[in-house]
């Protein structure tokens, strides 16, 4: 499945839930979605708070939440996430990294 297909599926769910409607109690604004993304990312950290291992199923659920909010934020702000990822990877190959971090 492509990023666009995942985004379309996520948007279908949000639409079906009525969350894109103007009178939604959960306005799907870029600000609100960015906050939700940060909160979900923090929930990923909770799985490692007291150890190096996380329950794979629970971790997968949190990572999926992060990915869904990321897809939605990119959609709401008009960011072509696939292109942004490719551009960032290309840029990273040209970056200077601190000494000792090269491969």
C-alpha atoms as a PDB file:
ATOM      1  CA  UNK A   1       0.000   0.000   0.000  1.00  0.00           C
ATOM      2  CA  UNK A   2       1.336   3.458  -0.890  1.00  0.00           C
ATOM      3  CA  UNK A   3       1.487   6.515   1.335  1.00  0.00           C
ATOM      4  CA  UNK A   4      -1.314   8.030  -0.731  1.00  0.00           C
ATOM      5  CA  UNK A   5      -3.478   4.937  -0.310  1.00  0.00           C
ATOM      6  CA  UNK A   6      -2.891   4.977   3.450  1.00  0.00           C
ATOM      7  CA  UNK A   7      -3.730   8.681   3.543  1.00  0.00           C
ATOM      8  CA  UNK A   8      -6.926   8.089   1.585  1.00  0.00           C
ATOM      9  CA  UNK A   9      -7.920   5.293   3.925  1.00  0.00           C
ATOM     10  CA  UNK A  10      -7.175   7.445   6.985  1.00  0.00           C
ATOM     11  CA  UNK A  11      -9.211  10.317   5.510  1.00  0.00           C
ATOM     12  CA  UNK A  12     -12.085   7.944   4.808  1.00  0.00           C
ATOM     13  CA  UNK A  13     -12.136   6.905   8.448  1.00  0.00           C
ATOM     14  CA  UNK A  14     -11.968  10.491   9.741  1.00  0.00           C
ATOM     15  CA  UNK A  15     -14.759  11.484   7.341  1.00  0.00           C
ATOM     16  CA  UNK A  16     -16.892   8.489   8.344  1.00  0.00           C
ATOM     17  CA  UNK A  17     -16.493   9.455  12.002  1.00  0.00           C
ATOM     18  CA  UNK A  18     -17.654  12.998  11.194  1.00  0.00           C
ATOM     19  CA  UNK A  19     -14.465  14.567  12.502  1.00  0.00           C
ATOM     20  CA  UNK A  20     -13.945  16.742   9.407  1.00  0.00           C
ATOM     21  CA  UNK A  21     -17.345  18.392   9.895  1.00  0.00           C
ATOM     22  CA  UNK A  22     -17.287  22.009  11.063  1.00  0.00           C
ATOM     23  CA  UNK A  23     -19.328  21.176  14.160  1.00  0.00           C
ATOM     24  CA  UNK A  24     -17.085  18.289  15.222  1.00  0.00           C
ATOM     25  CA  UNK A  25     -16.184  18.327  18.915  1.00  0.00           C
ATOM     26  CA  UNK A  26     -12.698  17.297  17.758  1.00  0.00           C
ATOM     27  CA  UNK A  27     -11.661  19.859  15.125  1.00  0.00           C
ATOM     28  CA  UNK A  28      -9.122  18.296  12.791  1.00  0.00           C
ATOM     29  CA  UNK A  29      -6.908  21.368  12.499  1.00  0.00           C
ATOM     30  CA  UNK A  30      -3.167  21.169  11.822  1.00  0.00           C
ATOM     31  CA  UNK A  31      -2.510  22.456  15.367  1.00  0.00           C
ATOM     32  CA  UNK A  32      -4.720  19.831  16.990  1.00  0.00           C
ATOM     33  CA  UNK A  33      -3.295  17.030  14.872  1.00  0.00           C
ATOM     34  CA  UNK A  34       0.290  18.152  15.584  1.00  0.00           C
ATOM     35  CA  UNK A  35      -0.473  18.025  19.315  1.00  0.00           C
ATOM     36  CA  UNK A  36      -2.015  14.577  18.937  1.00  0.00           C
ATOM     37  CA  UNK A  37       1.036  13.419  16.981  1.00  0.00           C
ATOM     38  CA  UNK A  38       3.362  14.566  19.765  1.00  0.00           C
ATOM     39  CA  UNK A  39       1.211  12.923  22.427  1.00  0.00           C
ATOM     40  CA  UNK A  40       1.143   9.621  20.552  1.00  0.00           C
ATOM     41  CA  UNK A  41       4.920   9.766  20.060  1.00  0.00           C
ATOM     42  CA  UNK A  42       5.272  10.196  23.821  1.00  0.00           C
ATOM     43  CA  UNK A  43       3.163   7.075  24.283  1.00  0.00           C
ATOM     44  CA  UNK A  44       5.773   5.188  22.246  1.00  0.00           C
ATOM     45  CA  UNK A  45       8.359   6.294  24.813  1.00  0.00           C
ATOM     46  CA  UNK A  46       6.234   4.919  27.646  1.00  0.00           C
ATOM     47  CA  UNK A  47       6.889   1.415  26.347  1.00  0.00           C
ATOM     48  CA  UNK A  48      10.608   1.934  26.973  1.00  0.00           C
ATOM     49  CA  UNK A  49      10.341   3.930  30.194  1.00  0.00           C
ATOM     50  CA  UNK A  50      11.632   1.148  32.439  1.00  0.00           C
ATOM     51  CA  UNK A  51      13.473  -1.162  30.086  1.00  0.00           C
ATOM     52  CA  UNK A  52      14.925  -1.883  26.696  1.00  0.00           C
ATOM     53  CA  UNK A  53      12.090  -4.117  25.503  1.00  0.00           C
ATOM     54  CA  UNK A  54       8.520  -3.302  24.528  1.00  0.00           C
ATOM     55  CA  UNK A  55       5.577  -5.576  23.911  1.00  0.00           C
ATOM     56  CA  UNK A  56       5.542  -5.813  20.092  1.00  0.00           C
ATOM     57  CA  UNK A  57       1.744  -5.704  19.742  1.00  0.00           C
ATOM     58  CA  UNK A  58       1.352  -2.713  22.060  1.00  0.00           C
ATOM     59  CA  UNK A  59       4.239  -0.912  20.382  1.00  0.00           C
ATOM     60  CA  UNK A  60       2.778  -1.580  16.929  1.00  0.00           C
ATOM     61  CA  UNK A  61      -0.491   0.002  18.024  1.00  0.00           C
ATOM     62  CA  UNK A  62       1.258   3.169  19.205  1.00  0.00           C
ATOM     63  CA  UNK A  63       3.430   3.377  16.091  1.00  0.00           C
ATOM     64  CA  UNK A  64       0.306   3.070  13.950  1.00  0.00           C
ATOM     65  CA  UNK A  65      -1.271   5.980  15.857  1.00  0.00           C
ATOM     66  CA  UNK A  66       1.845   8.085  15.207  1.00  0.00           C
ATOM     67  CA  UNK A  67       1.822   7.185  11.512  1.00  0.00           C
ATOM     68  CA  UNK A  68      -1.873   7.987  11.120  1.00  0.00           C
ATOM     69  CA  UNK A  69      -1.514  11.402  12.727  1.00  0.00           C
ATOM     70  CA  UNK A  70       1.572  12.056  10.580  1.00  0.00           C
ATOM     71  CA  UNK A  71      -0.336  11.168   7.423  1.00  0.00           C
ATOM     72  CA  UNK A  72      -3.213  13.402   8.470  1.00  0.00           C
ATOM     73  CA  UNK A  73      -0.956  16.342   9.336  1.00  0.00           C
ATOM     74  CA  UNK A  74       0.784  16.087   5.968  1.00  0.00           C
ATOM     75  CA  UNK A  75      -2.616  15.949   4.244  1.00  0.00           C
ATOM     76  CA  UNK A  76      -4.014  18.940   6.146  1.00  0.00           C
ATOM     77  CA  UNK A  77      -0.939  21.078   5.451  1.00  0.00           C
ATOM     78  CA  UNK A  78      -0.507  20.079   1.805  1.00  0.00           C
ATOM     79  CA  UNK A  79       2.826  18.349   2.351  1.00  0.00           C
ATOM     80  CA  UNK A  80       3.670  15.601  -0.130  1.00  0.00           C
ATOM     81  CA  UNK A  81       4.989  13.265   2.546  1.00  0.00           C
ATOM     82  CA  UNK A  82       6.468  10.752   0.126  1.00  0.00           C
ATOM     83  CA  UNK A  83       8.458  13.483  -1.641  1.00  0.00           C
ATOM     84  CA  UNK A  84       9.442  15.099   1.657  1.00  0.00           C
ATOM     85  CA  UNK A  85      10.850  11.772   2.884  1.00  0.00           C
ATOM     86  CA  UNK A  86      12.773  11.207  -0.349  1.00  0.00           C
ATOM     87  CA  UNK A  87      14.139  14.780  -0.278  1.00  0.00           C
ATOM     88  CA  UNK A  88      15.204  14.420   3.363  1.00  0.00           C
ATOM     89  CA  UNK A  89      16.959  11.116   2.683  1.00  0.00           C
ATOM     90  CA  UNK A  90      18.830  12.677  -0.256  1.00  0.00           C
ATOM     91  CA  UNK A  91      19.794  15.658   1.901  1.00  0.00           C
ATOM     92  CA  UNK A  92      20.988  13.422   4.731  1.00  0.00           C
ATOM     93  CA  UNK A  93      23.567  11.873   2.383  1.00  0.00           C
ATOM     94  CA  UNK A  94      25.080  15.337   1.891  1.00  0.00           C
ATOM     95  CA  UNK A  95      25.062  16.410   5.539  1.00  0.00           C
ATOM     96  CA  UNK A  96      28.123  16.693   7.668  1.00  0.00           C
ATOM     97  CA  UNK A  97      27.686  14.567  10.777  1.00  0.00           C
ATOM     98  CA  UNK A  98      29.617  15.045  14.031  1.00  0.00           C
ATOM     99  CA  UNK A  99      32.891  13.147  14.212  1.00  0.00           C
ATOM    100  CA  UNK A 100      32.492   9.574  15.352  1.00  0.00           C
ATOM    101  CA  UNK A 101      29.038   9.238  13.820  1.00  0.00           C
ATOM    102  CA  UNK A 102      30.133   8.226  10.343  1.00  0.00           C
ATOM    103  CA  UNK A 103      29.575   4.666   9.340  1.00  0.00           C
END
